[in-house]
């Protein structure tokens, strides 16, 4: 009986991490930007990480395990994944 191949977890060590975090920080994610001289971004602060989850679906990773990893490393909401997860 063949066991299913375990999917990777999105971490800073993953080969697609930089692309993923750039997308999460960009317009399709938190959209970090300057407006009228102020740093602003789109994050509701909720622990649902909807933007993070949507982006993870584009990668061949274990989404639930990746979200658990983010939470273990201070990524409780979308913006905190960008701010806190990468060392």
Foldseek 3Di string as FASTA:
>chain_A
DDDDDAFAAAAPVDPCNVVLLCCCCPDLHQNFDADPNDTHTRWPPAQPQPSSLVSCVVDRGDSVVNSVLLVVQQNRTSVRSNVTRDD
